[in-house]
PDB file of N, CA and C in Angstrom:
ATOM      1  N   MET A   1     -10.421   7.901 -21.695  1.00  0.00           N
ATOM      2  CA  MET A   1     -10.013   6.658 -21.071  1.00  0.00           C
ATOM      3  C   MET A   1      -8.521   6.482 -21.296  1.00  0.00           C
ATOM      4  N   GLN A   2      -7.860   5.940 -20.281  1.00  0.00           N
ATOM      5  CA  GLN A   2      -6.431   5.647 -20.373  1.00  0.00           C
ATOM      6  C   GLN A   2      -6.198   4.222 -19.887  1.00  0.00           C
ATOM      7  N   VAL A   3      -5.468   3.440 -20.653  1.00  0.00           N
ATOM      8  CA  VAL A   3      -5.148   2.069 -20.280  1.00  0.00           C
ATOM      9  C   VAL A   3      -3.647   1.966 -20.082  1.00  0.00           C
ATOM     10  N   GLN A   4      -3.244   1.377 -18.962  1.00  0.00           N
ATOM     11  CA  GLN A   4      -1.835   1.154 -18.676  1.00  0.00           C
ATOM     12  C   GLN A   4      -1.633  -0.312 -18.336  1.00  0.00           C
ATOM     13  N   SER A   5      -0.452  -0.818 -18.619  1.00  0.00           N
ATOM     14  CA  SER A   5      -0.090  -2.179 -18.256  1.00  0.00           C
ATOM     15  C   SER A   5       0.867  -2.130 -17.079  1.00  0.00           C
ATOM     16  N   TRP A   6       0.614  -2.947 -16.062  1.00  0.00           N
ATOM     17  CA  TRP A   6       1.544  -3.011 -14.929  1.00  0.00           C
ATOM     18  C   TRP A   6       2.945  -3.345 -15.431  1.00  0.00           C
ATOM     19  N   ASN A   7       3.062  -4.091 -16.530  1.00  0.00           N
ATOM     20  CA  ASN A   7       4.365  -4.468 -17.067  1.00  0.00           C
ATOM     21  C   ASN A   7       5.169  -3.276 -17.560  1.00  0.00           C
ATOM     22  N   GLU A   8       4.510  -2.153 -17.799  1.00  0.00           N
ATOM     23  CA  GLU A   8       5.179  -0.954 -18.305  1.00  0.00           C
ATOM     24  C   GLU A   8       5.466   0.069 -17.208  1.00  0.00           C
ATOM     25  N   ILE A   9       5.046  -0.211 -15.990  1.00  0.00           N
ATOM     26  CA  ILE A   9       5.239   0.738 -14.886  1.00  0.00           C
ATOM     27  C   ILE A   9       6.444   0.301 -14.060  1.00  0.00           C
ATOM     28  N   GLU A  10       7.351   1.228 -13.869  1.00  0.00           N
ATOM     29  CA  GLU A  10       8.585   0.933 -13.139  1.00  0.00           C
ATOM     30  C   GLU A  10       8.295   0.488 -11.710  1.00  0.00           C
ATOM     31  N   LYS A  11       9.031  -0.521 -11.259  1.00  0.00           N
ATOM     32  CA  LYS A  11       8.961  -0.953  -9.863  1.00  0.00           C
ATOM     33  C   LYS A  11       9.958  -0.146  -9.055  1.00  0.00           C
ATOM     34  N   GLU A  12       9.478   0.445  -7.964  1.00  0.00           N
ATOM     35  CA  GLU A  12      10.354   1.151  -7.029  1.00  0.00           C
ATOM     36  C   GLU A  12      10.779   0.171  -5.944  1.00  0.00           C
ATOM     37  N   GLN A  13      12.069   0.094  -5.663  1.00  0.00           N
ATOM     38  CA  GLN A  13      12.590  -0.758  -4.591  1.00  0.00           C
ATOM     39  C   GLN A  13      12.769   0.144  -3.376  1.00  0.00           C
ATOM     40  N   LEU A  14      11.807   0.111  -2.442  1.00  0.00           N
ATOM     41  CA  LEU A  14      11.857   1.007  -1.282  1.00  0.00           C
ATOM     42  C   LEU A  14      12.841   0.526  -0.233  1.00  0.00           C
ATOM     43  N   ASN A  15      12.970  -0.790  -0.116  1.00  0.00           N
ATOM     44  CA  ASN A  15      13.990  -1.409   0.744  1.00  0.00           C
ATOM     45  C   ASN A  15      14.134  -2.850   0.254  1.00  0.00           C
ATOM     46  N   PRO A  16      15.046  -3.627   0.804  1.00  0.00           N
ATOM     47  CA  PRO A  16      15.246  -4.980   0.273  1.00  0.00           C
ATOM     48  C   PRO A  16      14.005  -5.880   0.325  1.00  0.00           C
ATOM     49  N   LEU A  17      13.007  -5.523   1.152  1.00  0.00           N
ATOM     50  CA  LEU A  17      11.824  -6.364   1.316  1.00  0.00           C
ATOM     51  C   LEU A  17      10.556  -5.781   0.703  1.00  0.00           C
ATOM     52  N   TYR A  18      10.647  -4.589   0.075  1.00  0.00           N
ATOM     53  CA  TYR A  18       9.438  -3.899  -0.362  1.00  0.00           C
ATOM     54  C   TYR A  18       9.631  -3.248  -1.732  1.00  0.00           C
ATOM     55  N   GLN A  19       8.787  -3.666  -2.696  1.00  0.00           N
ATOM     56  CA  GLN A  19       8.736  -3.053  -4.016  1.00  0.00           C
ATOM     57  C   GLN A  19       7.312  -2.575  -4.271  1.00  0.00           C
ATOM     58  N   ARG A  20       7.201  -1.520  -5.102  1.00  0.00           N
ATOM     59  CA  ARG A  20       5.861  -1.066  -5.452  1.00  0.00           C
ATOM     60  C   ARG A  20       5.852  -0.438  -6.834  1.00  0.00           C
ATOM     61  N   GLN A  21       4.662  -0.434  -7.426  1.00  0.00           N
ATOM     62  CA  GLN A  21       4.363   0.301  -8.644  1.00  0.00           C
ATOM     63  C   GLN A  21       3.234   1.257  -8.290  1.00  0.00           C
ATOM     64  N   VAL A  22       3.252   2.458  -8.880  1.00  0.00           N
ATOM     65  CA  VAL A  22       2.282   3.482  -8.504  1.00  0.00           C
ATOM     66  C   VAL A  22       1.680   4.130  -9.748  1.00  0.00           C
ATOM     67  N   ILE A  23       0.367   4.304  -9.716  1.00  0.00           N
ATOM     68  CA  ILE A  23      -0.352   5.074 -10.724  1.00  0.00           C
ATOM     69  C   ILE A  23      -1.105   6.176  -9.986  1.00  0.00           C
ATOM     70  N   HIS A  24      -0.888   7.425 -10.402  1.00  0.00           N
ATOM     71  CA  HIS A  24      -1.616   8.558  -9.818  1.00  0.00           C
ATOM     72  C   HIS A  24      -2.678   9.030 -10.802  1.00  0.00           C
ATOM     73  N   GLY A  25      -3.935   9.037 -10.369  1.00  0.00           N
ATOM     74  CA  GLY A  25      -5.017   9.618 -11.138  1.00  0.00           C
ATOM     75  C   GLY A  25      -5.278  11.031 -10.657  1.00  0.00           C
ATOM     76  N   ASP A  26      -6.358  11.603 -11.107  1.00  0.00           N
ATOM     77  CA  ASP A  26      -6.706  12.960 -10.680  1.00  0.00           C
ATOM     78  C   ASP A  26      -7.148  12.996  -9.223  1.00  0.00           C
ATOM     79  N   THR A  27      -7.804  11.928  -8.748  1.00  0.00           N
ATOM     80  CA  THR A  27      -8.360  11.952  -7.397  1.00  0.00           C
ATOM     81  C   THR A  27      -7.970  10.749  -6.549  1.00  0.00           C
ATOM     82  N   MET A  28      -7.138   9.845  -7.112  1.00  0.00           N
ATOM     83  CA  MET A  28      -6.743   8.670  -6.336  1.00  0.00           C
ATOM     84  C   MET A  28      -5.374   8.184  -6.776  1.00  0.00           C
ATOM     85  N   THR A  29      -4.767   7.387  -5.917  1.00  0.00           N
ATOM     86  CA  THR A  29      -3.514   6.712  -6.223  1.00  0.00           C
ATOM     87  C   THR A  29      -3.762   5.218  -6.083  1.00  0.00           C
ATOM     88  N   VAL A  30      -3.260   4.451  -7.057  1.00  0.00           N
ATOM     89  CA  VAL A  30      -3.360   2.997  -7.024  1.00  0.00           C
ATOM     90  C   VAL A  30      -1.934   2.450  -6.943  1.00  0.00           C
ATOM     91  N   VAL A  31      -1.738   1.478  -6.039  1.00  0.00           N
ATOM     92  CA  VAL A  31      -0.415   0.905  -5.802  1.00  0.00           C
ATOM     93  C   VAL A  31      -0.503  -0.605  -5.912  1.00  0.00           C
ATOM     94  N   ARG A  32       0.472  -1.191  -6.550  1.00  0.00           N
ATOM     95  CA  ARG A  32       0.667  -2.642  -6.540  1.00  0.00           C
ATOM     96  C   ARG A  32       1.979  -2.866  -5.811  1.00  0.00           C
ATOM     97  N   ALA A  33       1.946  -3.671  -4.747  1.00  0.00           N
ATOM     98  CA  ALA A  33       3.119  -3.802  -3.880  1.00  0.00           C
ATOM     99  C   ALA A  33       3.450  -5.255  -3.588  1.00  0.00           C
ATOM    100  N   TRP A  34       4.736  -5.508  -3.416  1.00  0.00           N
ATOM    101  CA  TRP A  34       5.269  -6.811  -3.042  1.00  0.00           C
ATOM    102  C   TRP A  34       6.040  -6.627  -1.747  1.00  0.00           C
ATOM    103  N   LEU A  35       5.605  -7.310  -0.699  1.00  0.00           N
ATOM    104  CA  LEU A  35       6.296  -7.256   0.593  1.00  0.00           C
ATOM    105  C   LEU A  35       6.733  -8.665   0.943  1.00  0.00           C
ATOM    106  N   LYS A  36       8.019  -8.838   1.176  1.00  0.00           N
ATOM    107  CA  LYS A  36       8.517 -10.146   1.580  1.00  0.00           C
ATOM    108  C   LYS A  36       8.268 -10.334   3.068  1.00  0.00           C
ATOM    109  N   LYS A  37       8.123 -11.589   3.470  1.00  0.00           N
ATOM    110  CA  LYS A  37       7.887 -11.911   4.877  1.00  0.00           C
ATOM    111  C   LYS A  37       8.895 -11.182   5.750  1.00  0.00           C
ATOM    112  N   GLY A  38       8.383 -10.534   6.803  1.00  0.00           N
ATOM    113  CA  GLY A  38       9.227  -9.783   7.722  1.00  0.00           C
ATOM    114  C   GLY A  38       9.316  -8.303   7.406  1.00  0.00           C
ATOM    115  N   CYS A  39       8.844  -7.887   6.243  1.00  0.00           N
ATOM    116  CA  CYS A  39       8.856  -6.460   5.896  1.00  0.00           C
ATOM    117  C   CYS A  39       7.946  -5.696   6.855  1.00  0.00           C
ATOM    118  N   VAL A  40       8.453  -4.600   7.387  1.00  0.00           N
ATOM    119  CA  VAL A  40       7.689  -3.775   8.316  1.00  0.00           C
ATOM    120  C   VAL A  40       7.489  -2.390   7.706  1.00  0.00           C
ATOM    121  N   VAL A  41       6.252  -1.944   7.674  1.00  0.00           N
ATOM    122  CA  VAL A  41       5.922  -0.567   7.315  1.00  0.00           C
ATOM    123  C   VAL A  41       5.721   0.160   8.639  1.00  0.00           C
ATOM    124  N   PRO A  42       6.639   1.076   8.987  1.00  0.00           N
ATOM    125  CA  PRO A  42       6.577   1.718  10.312  1.00  0.00           C
ATOM    126  C   PRO A  42       5.277   2.484  10.540  1.00  0.00           C
ATOM    127  N   GLU A  43       4.990   2.725  11.801  1.00  0.00           N
ATOM    128  CA  GLU A  43       3.790   3.459  12.194  1.00  0.00           C
ATOM    129  C   GLU A  43       3.765   4.828  11.514  1.00  0.00           C
ATOM    130  N   HIS A  44       2.609   5.156  10.952  1.00  0.00           N
ATOM    131  CA  HIS A  44       2.428   6.429  10.265  1.00  0.00           C
ATOM    132  C   HIS A  44       0.928   6.707  10.120  1.00  0.00           C
ATOM    133  N   SER A  45       0.620   7.873   9.603  1.00  0.00           N
ATOM    134  CA  SER A  45      -0.759   8.203   9.247  1.00  0.00           C
ATOM    135  C   SER A  45      -0.714   9.102   8.016  1.00  0.00           C
ATOM    136  N   HIS A  46      -1.849   9.235   7.357  1.00  0.00           N
ATOM    137  CA  HIS A  46      -1.948  10.098   6.184  1.00  0.00           C
ATOM    138  C   HIS A  46      -3.401  10.535   6.034  1.00  0.00           C
ATOM    139  N   PRO A  47      -3.614  11.651   5.349  1.00  0.00           N
ATOM    140  CA  PRO A  47      -4.980  12.168   5.214  1.00  0.00           C
ATOM    141  C   PRO A  47      -5.818  11.401   4.199  1.00  0.00           C
ATOM    142  N   ASN A  48      -5.255  10.364   3.607  1.00  0.00           N
ATOM    143  CA  ASN A  48      -5.938   9.616   2.561  1.00  0.00           C
ATOM    144  C   ASN A  48      -6.690   8.429   3.140  1.00  0.00           C
ATOM    145  N   GLU A  49      -7.920   8.203   2.676  1.00  0.00           N
ATOM    146  CA  GLU A  49      -8.590   6.940   2.948  1.00  0.00           C
ATOM    147  C   GLU A  49      -7.822   5.866   2.185  1.00  0.00           C
ATOM    148  N   GLN A  50      -7.751   4.664   2.730  1.00  0.00           N
ATOM    149  CA  GLN A  50      -6.951   3.590   2.134  1.00  0.00           C
ATOM    150  C   GLN A  50      -7.764   2.315   2.057  1.00  0.00           C
ATOM    151  N   VAL A  51      -7.683   1.642   0.909  1.00  0.00           N
ATOM    152  CA  VAL A  51      -8.265   0.321   0.737  1.00  0.00           C
ATOM    153  C   VAL A  51      -7.131  -0.598   0.301  1.00  0.00           C
ATOM    154  N   SER A  52      -6.911  -1.686   1.048  1.00  0.00           N
ATOM    155  CA  SER A  52      -5.847  -2.646   0.743  1.00  0.00           C
ATOM    156  C   SER A  52      -6.474  -3.990   0.412  1.00  0.00           C
ATOM    157  N   MET A  53      -6.153  -4.498  -0.780  1.00  0.00           N
ATOM    158  CA  MET A  53      -6.686  -5.774  -1.262  1.00  0.00           C
ATOM    159  C   MET A  53      -5.524  -6.761  -1.349  1.00  0.00           C
ATOM    160  N   ILE A  54      -5.583  -7.817  -0.574  1.00  0.00           N
ATOM    161  CA  ILE A  54      -4.499  -8.789  -0.536  1.00  0.00           C
ATOM    162  C   ILE A  54      -4.733  -9.833  -1.630  1.00  0.00           C
ATOM    163  N   GLU A  55      -3.846  -9.858  -2.614  1.00  0.00           N
ATOM    164  CA  GLU A  55      -3.943 -10.823  -3.710  1.00  0.00           C
ATOM    165  C   GLU A  55      -3.278 -12.143  -3.349  1.00  0.00           C
ATOM    166  N   GLN A  56      -2.246 -12.053  -2.502  1.00  0.00           N
ATOM    167  CA  GLN A  56      -1.489 -13.249  -2.120  1.00  0.00           C
ATOM    168  C   GLN A  56      -0.803 -12.979  -0.791  1.00  0.00           C
ATOM    169  N   GLY A  57      -0.788 -13.966   0.098  1.00  0.00           N
ATOM    170  CA  GLY A  57      -0.068 -13.838   1.363  1.00  0.00           C
ATOM    171  C   GLY A  57      -0.916 -13.270   2.477  1.00  0.00           C
ATOM    172  N   ALA A  58      -0.238 -12.662   3.449  1.00  0.00           N
ATOM    173  CA  ALA A  58      -0.931 -12.113   4.619  1.00  0.00           C
ATOM    174  C   ALA A  58      -0.144 -10.935   5.169  1.00  0.00           C
ATOM    175  N   LEU A  59      -0.885  -9.915   5.586  1.00  0.00           N
ATOM    176  CA  LEU A  59      -0.307  -8.692   6.128  1.00  0.00           C
ATOM    177  C   LEU A  59      -0.994  -8.382   7.445  1.00  0.00           C
ATOM    178  N   LYS A  60      -0.195  -8.143   8.482  1.00  0.00           N
ATOM    179  CA  LYS A  60      -0.746  -7.813   9.801  1.00  0.00           C
ATOM    180  C   LYS A  60      -0.714  -6.299   9.976  1.00  0.00           C
ATOM    181  N   PHE A  61      -1.899  -5.706  10.100  1.00  0.00           N
ATOM    182  CA  PHE A  61      -2.020  -4.278  10.361  1.00  0.00           C
ATOM    183  C   PHE A  61      -2.179  -4.066  11.856  1.00  0.00           C
ATOM    184  N   THR A  62      -1.558  -3.027  12.382  1.00  0.00           N
ATOM    185  CA  THR A  62      -1.740  -2.623  13.772  1.00  0.00           C
ATOM    186  C   THR A  62      -2.295  -1.204  13.768  1.00  0.00           C
ATOM    187  N   MET A  63      -3.470  -1.032  14.430  1.00  0.00           N
ATOM    188  CA  MET A  63      -4.144   0.259  14.493  1.00  0.00           C
ATOM    189  C   MET A  63      -4.712   0.436  15.892  1.00  0.00           C
ATOM    190  N   GLY A  64      -4.321   1.505  16.541  1.00  0.00           N
ATOM    191  CA  GLY A  64      -4.858   1.769  17.866  1.00  0.00           C
ATOM    192  C   GLY A  64      -4.586   0.643  18.851  1.00  0.00           C
ATOM    193  N   GLY A  65      -3.427  -0.008  18.718  1.00  0.00           N
ATOM    194  CA  GLY A  65      -3.066  -1.092  19.623  1.00  0.00           C
ATOM    195  C   GLY A  65      -3.719  -2.422  19.295  1.00  0.00           C
ATOM    196  N   LYS A  66      -4.567  -2.454  18.266  1.00  0.00           N
ATOM    197  CA  LYS A  66      -5.226  -3.696  17.868  1.00  0.00           C
ATOM    198  C   LYS A  66      -4.589  -4.228  16.588  1.00  0.00           C
ATOM    199  N   GLU A  67      -4.424  -5.550  16.515  1.00  0.00           N
ATOM    200  CA  GLU A  67      -3.835  -6.190  15.345  1.00  0.00           C
ATOM    201  C   GLU A  67      -4.912  -6.900  14.541  1.00  0.00           C
ATOM    202  N   GLN A  68      -4.768  -6.845  13.220  1.00  0.00           N
ATOM    203  CA  GLN A  68      -5.691  -7.532  12.325  1.00  0.00           C
ATOM    204  C   GLN A  68      -4.882  -8.096  11.165  1.00  0.00           C
ATOM    205  N   VAL A  69      -4.920  -9.411  10.984  1.00  0.00           N
ATOM    206  CA  VAL A  69      -4.258 -10.039   9.849  1.00  0.00           C
ATOM    207  C   VAL A  69      -5.244 -10.083   8.689  1.00  0.00           C
ATOM    208  N   VAL A  70      -4.811  -9.569   7.544  1.00  0.00           N
ATOM    209  CA  VAL A  70      -5.625  -9.557   6.332  1.00  0.00           C
ATOM    210  C   VAL A  70      -4.953 -10.522   5.357  1.00  0.00           C
ATOM    211  N   ARG A  71      -5.736 -11.474   4.839  1.00  0.00           N
ATOM    212  CA  ARG A  71      -5.177 -12.578   4.047  1.00  0.00           C
ATOM    213  C   ARG A  71      -5.659 -12.554   2.596  1.00  0.00           C
ATOM    214  N   THR A  72      -5.101 -13.448   1.807  1.00  0.00           N
ATOM    215  CA  THR A  72      -5.461 -13.590   0.397  1.00  0.00           C
ATOM    216  C   THR A  72      -6.978 -13.525   0.214  1.00  0.00           C
ATOM    217  N   GLY A  73      -7.400 -12.654  -0.697  1.00  0.00           N
ATOM    218  CA  GLY A  73      -8.818 -12.521  -1.008  1.00  0.00           C
ATOM    219  C   GLY A  73      -9.577 -11.584  -0.096  1.00  0.00           C
ATOM    220  N   GLU A  74      -8.916 -11.032   0.919  1.00  0.00           N
ATOM    221  CA  GLU A  74      -9.589 -10.113   1.842  1.00  0.00           C
ATOM    222  C   GLU A  74      -9.228  -8.667   1.512  1.00  0.00           C
ATOM    223  N   VAL A  75     -10.111  -7.769   1.929  1.00  0.00           N
ATOM    224  CA  VAL A  75      -9.971  -6.342   1.679  1.00  0.00           C
ATOM    225  C   VAL A  75     -10.107  -5.599   2.999  1.00  0.00           C
ATOM    226  N   MET A  76      -9.217  -4.641   3.219  1.00  0.00           N
ATOM    227  CA  MET A  76      -9.247  -3.839   4.436  1.00  0.00           C
ATOM    228  C   MET A  76      -9.443  -2.376   4.041  1.00  0.00           C
ATOM    229  N   ARG A  77     -10.386  -1.700   4.692  1.00  0.00           N
ATOM    230  CA  ARG A  77     -10.599  -0.266   4.469  1.00  0.00           C
ATOM    231  C   ARG A  77     -10.202   0.483   5.718  1.00  0.00           C
ATOM    232  N   MET A  78      -9.429   1.543   5.531  1.00  0.00           N
ATOM    233  CA  MET A  78      -8.933   2.322   6.669  1.00  0.00           C
ATOM    234  C   MET A  78      -9.314   3.794   6.474  1.00  0.00           C
ATOM    235  N   ALA A  79      -9.848   4.385   7.507  1.00  0.00           N
ATOM    236  CA  ALA A  79     -10.215   5.796   7.466  1.00  0.00           C
ATOM    237  C   ALA A  79      -8.971   6.680   7.397  1.00  0.00           C
ATOM    238  N   SER A  80      -9.145   7.876   6.932  1.00  0.00           N
ATOM    239  CA  SER A  80      -8.035   8.831   6.872  1.00  0.00           C
ATOM    240  C   SER A  80      -7.558   9.189   8.279  1.00  0.00           C
ATOM    241  N   ASN A  81      -6.282   9.562   8.363  1.00  0.00           N
ATOM    242  CA  ASN A  81      -5.631  10.039   9.588  1.00  0.00           C
ATOM    243  C   ASN A  81      -5.521   9.000  10.703  1.00  0.00           C
ATOM    244  N   LEU A  82      -5.742   7.747  10.412  1.00  0.00           N
ATOM    245  CA  LEU A  82      -5.628   6.691  11.409  1.00  0.00           C
ATOM    246  C   LEU A  82      -4.169   6.251  11.507  1.00  0.00           C
ATOM    247  N   VAL A  83      -3.592   6.297  12.692  1.00  0.00           N
ATOM    248  CA  VAL A  83      -2.212   5.858  12.890  1.00  0.00           C
ATOM    249  C   VAL A  83      -2.176   4.338  12.774  1.00  0.00           C
ATOM    250  N   HIS A  84      -1.239   3.832  11.936  1.00  0.00           N
ATOM    251  CA  HIS A  84      -1.183   2.397  11.686  1.00  0.00           C
ATOM    252  C   HIS A  84       0.217   1.978  11.261  1.00  0.00           C
ATOM    253  N   SER A  85       0.459   0.686  11.340  1.00  0.00           N
ATOM    254  CA  SER A  85       1.683   0.076  10.829  1.00  0.00           C
ATOM    255  C   SER A  85       1.287  -1.261  10.219  1.00  0.00           C
ATOM    256  N   ALA A  86       2.246  -1.903   9.541  1.00  0.00           N
ATOM    257  CA  ALA A  86       1.951  -3.198   8.925  1.00  0.00           C
ATOM    258  C   ALA A  86       3.206  -4.056   8.923  1.00  0.00           C
ATOM    259  N   GLU A  87       2.986  -5.374   8.949  1.00  0.00           N
ATOM    260  CA  GLU A  87       4.085  -6.326   8.849  1.00  0.00           C
ATOM    261  C   GLU A  87       3.637  -7.502   7.993  1.00  0.00           C
ATOM    262  N   ALA A  88       4.474  -7.870   7.031  1.00  0.00           N
ATOM    263  CA  ALA A  88       4.172  -9.028   6.192  1.00  0.00           C
ATOM    264  C   ALA A  88       4.466 -10.292   6.987  1.00  0.00           C
ATOM    265  N   VAL A  89       3.425 -11.060   7.292  1.00  0.00           N
ATOM    266  CA  VAL A  89       3.604 -12.316   8.030  1.00  0.00           C
ATOM    267  C   VAL A  89       3.826 -13.471   7.058  1.00  0.00           C
ATOM    268  N   GLU A  90       3.591 -13.223   5.782  1.00  0.00           N
ATOM    269  CA  GLU A  90       3.908 -14.121   4.670  1.00  0.00           C
ATOM    270  C   GLU A  90       4.320 -13.220   3.515  1.00  0.00           C
ATOM    271  N   ASP A  91       5.034 -13.762   2.518  1.00  0.00           N
ATOM    272  CA  ASP A  91       5.265 -12.985   1.302  1.00  0.00           C
ATOM    273  C   ASP A  91       3.904 -12.517   0.815  1.00  0.00           C
ATOM    274  N   CYS A  92       3.823 -11.266   0.407  1.00  0.00           N
ATOM    275  CA  CYS A  92       2.527 -10.650   0.160  1.00  0.00           C
ATOM    276  C   CYS A  92       2.538  -9.855  -1.145  1.00  0.00           C
ATOM    277  N   VAL A  93       1.465  -9.976  -1.904  1.00  0.00           N
ATOM    278  CA  VAL A  93       1.212  -9.126  -3.059  1.00  0.00           C
ATOM    279  C   VAL A  93      -0.129  -8.453  -2.795  1.00  0.00           C
ATOM    280  N   MET A  94      -0.165  -7.131  -2.940  1.00  0.00           N
ATOM    281  CA  MET A  94      -1.420  -6.428  -2.677  1.00  0.00           C
ATOM    282  C   MET A  94      -1.595  -5.260  -3.621  1.00  0.00           C
ATOM    283  N   VAL A  95      -2.838  -4.835  -3.763  1.00  0.00           N
ATOM    284  CA  VAL A  95      -3.190  -3.629  -4.486  1.00  0.00           C
ATOM    285  C   VAL A  95      -3.858  -2.705  -3.487  1.00  0.00           C
ATOM    286  N   GLU A  96      -3.410  -1.450  -3.488  1.00  0.00           N
ATOM    287  CA  GLU A  96      -3.985  -0.465  -2.566  1.00  0.00           C
ATOM    288  C   GLU A  96      -4.499   0.728  -3.362  1.00  0.00           C
ATOM    289  N   VAL A  97      -5.568   1.318  -2.852  1.00  0.00           N
ATOM    290  CA  VAL A  97      -6.130   2.524  -3.437  1.00  0.00           C
ATOM    291  C   VAL A  97      -6.181   3.577  -2.340  1.00  0.00           C
ATOM    292  N   PHE A  98      -5.702   4.774  -2.665  1.00  0.00           N
ATOM    293  CA  PHE A  98      -5.719   5.895  -1.731  1.00  0.00           C
ATOM    294  C   PHE A  98      -6.525   7.028  -2.348  1.00  0.00           C
ATOM    295  N   SER A  99      -7.398   7.646  -1.531  1.00  0.00           N
ATOM    296  CA  SER A  99      -8.164   8.798  -1.983  1.00  0.00           C
ATOM    297  C   SER A  99      -8.210   9.838  -0.871  1.00  0.00           C
ATOM    298  N   PRO A 100      -7.894  11.108  -1.154  1.00  0.00           N
ATOM    299  CA  PRO A 100      -7.409  11.586  -2.442  1.00  0.00           C
ATOM    300  C   PRO A 100      -6.029  11.008  -2.762  1.00  0.00           C
ATOM    301  N   ARG A 101      -5.511  11.342  -3.933  1.00  0.00           N
ATOM    302  CA  ARG A 101      -4.227  10.786  -4.351  1.00  0.00           C
ATOM    303  C   ARG A 101      -3.120  11.164  -3.369  1.00  0.00           C
ATOM    304  N   ARG A 102      -2.045  10.386  -3.380  1.00  0.00           N
ATOM    305  CA  ARG A 102      -0.923  10.578  -2.456  1.00  0.00           C
ATOM    306  C   ARG A 102      -0.023  11.712  -2.945  1.00  0.00           C
ATOM    307  N   GLN A 103      -0.448  12.933  -2.657  1.00  0.00           N
ATOM    308  CA  GLN A 103       0.311  14.108  -3.082  1.00  0.00           C
ATOM    309  C   GLN A 103       1.710  14.109  -2.468  1.00  0.00           C
ATOM    310  N   ASP A 104       1.852  13.558  -1.257  1.00  0.00           N
ATOM    311  CA  ASP A 104       3.180  13.494  -0.632  1.00  0.00           C
ATOM    312  C   ASP A 104       4.139  12.659  -1.472  1.00  0.00           C
ATOM    313  N   TRP A 105       3.667  11.579  -2.063  1.00  0.00           N
ATOM    314  CA  TRP A 105       4.518  10.751  -2.924  1.00  0.00           C
ATOM    315  C   TRP A 105       4.844  11.480  -4.223  1.00  0.00           C
ATOM    316  N   ILE A 106       3.861  12.185  -4.781  1.00  0.00           N
ATOM    317  CA  ILE A 106       4.090  12.949  -6.008  1.00  0.00           C
ATOM    318  C   ILE A 106       5.146  14.020  -5.763  1.00  0.00           C
ATOM    319  N   ASP A 107       5.002  14.750  -4.649  1.00  0.00           N
ATOM    320  CA  ASP A 107       5.968  15.814  -4.319  1.00  0.00           C
ATOM    321  C   ASP A 107       7.353  15.253  -4.062  1.00  0.00           C
ATOM    322  N   ALA A 108       7.435  14.090  -3.396  1.00  0.00           N
ATOM    323  CA  ALA A 108       8.743  13.473  -3.106  1.00  0.00           C
ATOM    324  C   ALA A 108       9.444  13.078  -4.401  1.00  0.00           C
ATOM    325  N   GLY A 109       8.687  12.684  -5.425  1.00  0.00           N
ATOM    326  CA  GLY A 109       9.276  12.295  -6.694  1.00  0.00           C
ATOM    327  C   GLY A 109       9.815  13.477  -7.501  1.00  0.00           C
ATOM    328  N   LYS A 110       9.417  14.690  -7.142  1.00  0.00           N
ATOM    329  CA  LYS A 110       9.862  15.887  -7.854  1.00  0.00           C
ATOM    330  C   LYS A 110      11.189  16.401  -7.325  1.00  0.00           C
ATOM    331  N   LYS A 111      11.630  15.888  -6.175  1.00  0.00           N
ATOM    332  CA  LYS A 111      12.860  16.407  -5.552  1.00  0.00           C
ATOM    333  C   LYS A 111      14.080  15.788  -6.153  1.00  0.00           C
TER     334      LYS A 111
END
């Protein structure tokens, strides 16, 4: 068993509106993220299944031309390889789980 405190994990500032903390396990990646209102995550896809749990605020996901706003206390599950984007319609705090782990992020951190 391994216990970590979010307070001990470095926050990455991806852009002025987006911060995240990341934990990589053997088979999954867990992310805690802060998106300020107006933050846009551009359209992309990945081979990982994704579960996004909104702790605070609201995030609008766009998938296949359809929009879905996910709000505080709601959970969204997304299949792997689905093209999607997101926009924070309110300041947002969320926890996301990716399976398998985000090897692309691990590899990017090694460069």
